[in-house]
Amino acid sequence: MNVFQLVMKKKELIPLIAFVGVAGFGAAYMSIYSLLKADVIVNRHTNPEPWENVNPSKPQKLVTINQKWEPIEELQTVKQLTK
């Protein structure tokens, strides 16, 4: 018995199949989207320190409320000394 005949015989499975299909499509889409997004780095050999290139004015979370970025003086001096 194939799937189509089973669904036609038991019509209560239609919403279940629809929800599972939408959830599977959403999970696949989100995983591909986050891999292709510019903030995600998959190849770590070409850029071993990607945190150096983060734009502080751009929010890095899905939801950012009242983000104010100010440089920390101690970290700036350490960064200048290590270069």
C-alpha atoms as a PDB file:
ATOM      1  CA  MET A   1       0.000   0.000   0.000  1.00  0.00           C
ATOM      2  CA  ASN A   2       1.601   3.269  -0.997  1.00  0.00           C
ATOM      3  CA  VAL A   3       1.416   6.511   0.962  1.00  0.00           C
ATOM      4  CA  PHE A   4      -1.169   8.170  -1.274  1.00  0.00           C
ATOM      5  CA  GLN A   5      -3.626   5.298  -0.853  1.00  0.00           C
ATOM      6  CA  LEU A   6      -3.062   5.349   2.921  1.00  0.00           C
ATOM      7  CA  VAL A   7      -3.780   9.091   3.081  1.00  0.00           C
ATOM      8  CA  MET A   8      -6.917   8.702   0.964  1.00  0.00           C
ATOM      9  CA  LYS A   9      -8.129   5.913   3.246  1.00  0.00           C
ATOM     10  CA  LYS A  10      -7.306   7.733   6.516  1.00  0.00           C
ATOM     11  CA  LYS A  11      -7.985  11.408   5.937  1.00  0.00           C
ATOM     12  CA  GLU A  12      -7.093  12.345   9.531  1.00  0.00           C
ATOM     13  CA  LEU A  13      -3.421  11.933   8.580  1.00  0.00           C
ATOM     14  CA  ILE A  14      -3.514  14.926   6.193  1.00  0.00           C
ATOM     15  CA  PRO A  15      -2.914  17.638   8.867  1.00  0.00           C
ATOM     16  CA  LEU A  16      -0.180  15.537  10.472  1.00  0.00           C
ATOM     17  CA  ILE A  17       1.614  15.090   7.166  1.00  0.00           C
ATOM     18  CA  ALA A  18       1.213  18.803   6.407  1.00  0.00           C
ATOM     19  CA  PHE A  19       2.669  19.910   9.764  1.00  0.00           C
ATOM     20  CA  VAL A  20       5.577  17.481   9.569  1.00  0.00           C
ATOM     21  CA  GLY A  21       6.285  18.554   5.991  1.00  0.00           C
ATOM     22  CA  VAL A  22       6.250  22.269   6.879  1.00  0.00           C
ATOM     23  CA  ALA A  23       8.488  21.654   9.918  1.00  0.00           C
ATOM     24  CA  GLY A  24      10.966  19.634   7.842  1.00  0.00           C
ATOM     25  CA  PHE A  25      11.039  22.263   5.105  1.00  0.00           C
ATOM     26  CA  GLY A  26      11.530  25.037   7.684  1.00  0.00           C
ATOM     27  CA  ALA A  27      14.391  23.206   9.383  1.00  0.00           C
ATOM     28  CA  ALA A  28      16.131  22.530   6.072  1.00  0.00           C
ATOM     29  CA  TYR A  29      15.634  26.132   4.920  1.00  0.00           C
ATOM     30  CA  MET A  30      16.950  27.604   8.184  1.00  0.00           C
ATOM     31  CA  SER A  31      20.040  25.409   8.206  1.00  0.00           C
ATOM     32  CA  ILE A  32      20.882  26.297   4.593  1.00  0.00           C
ATOM     33  CA  TYR A  33      20.157  29.978   5.248  1.00  0.00           C
ATOM     34  CA  SER A  34      22.469  30.115   8.265  1.00  0.00           C
ATOM     35  CA  LEU A  35      25.250  28.406   6.318  1.00  0.00           C
ATOM     36  CA  LEU A  36      24.974  30.880   3.442  1.00  0.00           C
ATOM     37  CA  LYS A  37      24.601  33.928   5.662  1.00  0.00           C
ATOM     38  CA  ALA A  38      27.547  36.340   5.639  1.00  0.00           C
ATOM     39  CA  ASP A  39      28.089  36.244   9.415  1.00  0.00           C
ATOM     40  CA  VAL A  40      28.692  32.498   9.458  1.00  0.00           C
ATOM     41  CA  ILE A  41      32.181  31.334   8.511  1.00  0.00           C
ATOM     42  CA  VAL A  42      32.485  27.701   7.513  1.00  0.00           C
ATOM     43  CA  ASN A  43      36.100  27.744   6.293  1.00  0.00           C
ATOM     44  CA  ARG A  44      38.273  28.495   9.316  1.00  0.00           C
ATOM     45  CA  HIS A  45      41.619  28.084   7.519  1.00  0.00           C
ATOM     46  CA  THR A  46      41.353  31.260   5.448  1.00  0.00           C
ATOM     47  CA  ASN A  47      40.345  33.438   8.419  1.00  0.00           C
ATOM     48  CA  PRO A  48      41.529  31.942  11.723  1.00  0.00           C
ATOM     49  CA  GLU A  49      40.391  34.962  13.787  1.00  0.00           C
ATOM     50  CA  PRO A  50      36.963  35.969  12.426  1.00  0.00           C
ATOM     51  CA  TRP A  51      36.020  37.858  15.599  1.00  0.00           C
ATOM     52  CA  GLU A  52      38.455  40.607  14.565  1.00  0.00           C
ATOM     53  CA  ASN A  53      36.215  41.532  11.616  1.00  0.00           C
ATOM     54  CA  VAL A  54      32.929  41.920  13.523  1.00  0.00           C
ATOM     55  CA  ASN A  55      31.224  45.249  12.957  1.00  0.00           C
ATOM     56  CA  PRO A  56      30.297  46.590  16.415  1.00  0.00           C
ATOM     57  CA  SER A  57      27.545  48.839  15.068  1.00  0.00           C
ATOM     58  CA  LYS A  58      25.700  45.875  13.510  1.00  0.00           C
ATOM     59  CA  PRO A  59      23.576  43.823  15.940  1.00  0.00           C
ATOM     60  CA  GLN A  60      24.740  40.211  16.190  1.00  0.00           C
ATOM     61  CA  LYS A  61      21.570  38.704  17.661  1.00  0.00           C
ATOM     62  CA  LEU A  62      18.114  38.109  16.238  1.00  0.00           C
ATOM     63  CA  VAL A  63      16.657  40.609  18.710  1.00  0.00           C
ATOM     64  CA  THR A  64      18.776  43.410  20.158  1.00  0.00           C
ATOM     65  CA  ILE A  65      17.195  45.940  22.479  1.00  0.00           C
ATOM     66  CA  ASN A  66      19.048  49.175  23.300  1.00  0.00           C
ATOM     67  CA  GLN A  67      22.459  48.027  22.133  1.00  0.00           C
ATOM     68  CA  LYS A  68      25.145  50.613  22.775  1.00  0.00           C
ATOM     69  CA  TRP A  69      28.696  49.682  21.952  1.00  0.00           C
ATOM     70  CA  GLU A  70      31.584  51.469  23.612  1.00  0.00           C
ATOM     71  CA  PRO A  71      35.201  50.392  23.281  1.00  0.00           C
ATOM     72  CA  ILE A  72      36.878  49.117  26.432  1.00  0.00           C
ATOM     73  CA  GLU A  73      40.133  50.984  26.928  1.00  0.00           C
ATOM     74  CA  GLU A  74      42.022  48.051  28.426  1.00  0.00           C
ATOM     75  CA  LEU A  75      41.131  45.795  25.522  1.00  0.00           C
ATOM     76  CA  GLN A  76      42.143  48.452  23.012  1.00  0.00           C
ATOM     77  CA  THR A  77      45.562  48.856  24.632  1.00  0.00           C
ATOM     78  CA  VAL A  78      46.092  45.075  24.708  1.00  0.00           C
ATOM     79  CA  LYS A  79      45.060  44.873  21.057  1.00  0.00           C
ATOM     80  CA  GLN A  80      47.537  47.620  20.132  1.00  0.00           C
ATOM     81  CA  LEU A  81      50.335  45.959  22.106  1.00  0.00           C
ATOM     82  CA  THR A  82      49.806  42.556  20.499  1.00  0.00           C
ATOM     83  CA  LYS A  83      49.917  43.869  16.923  1.00  0.00           C
END
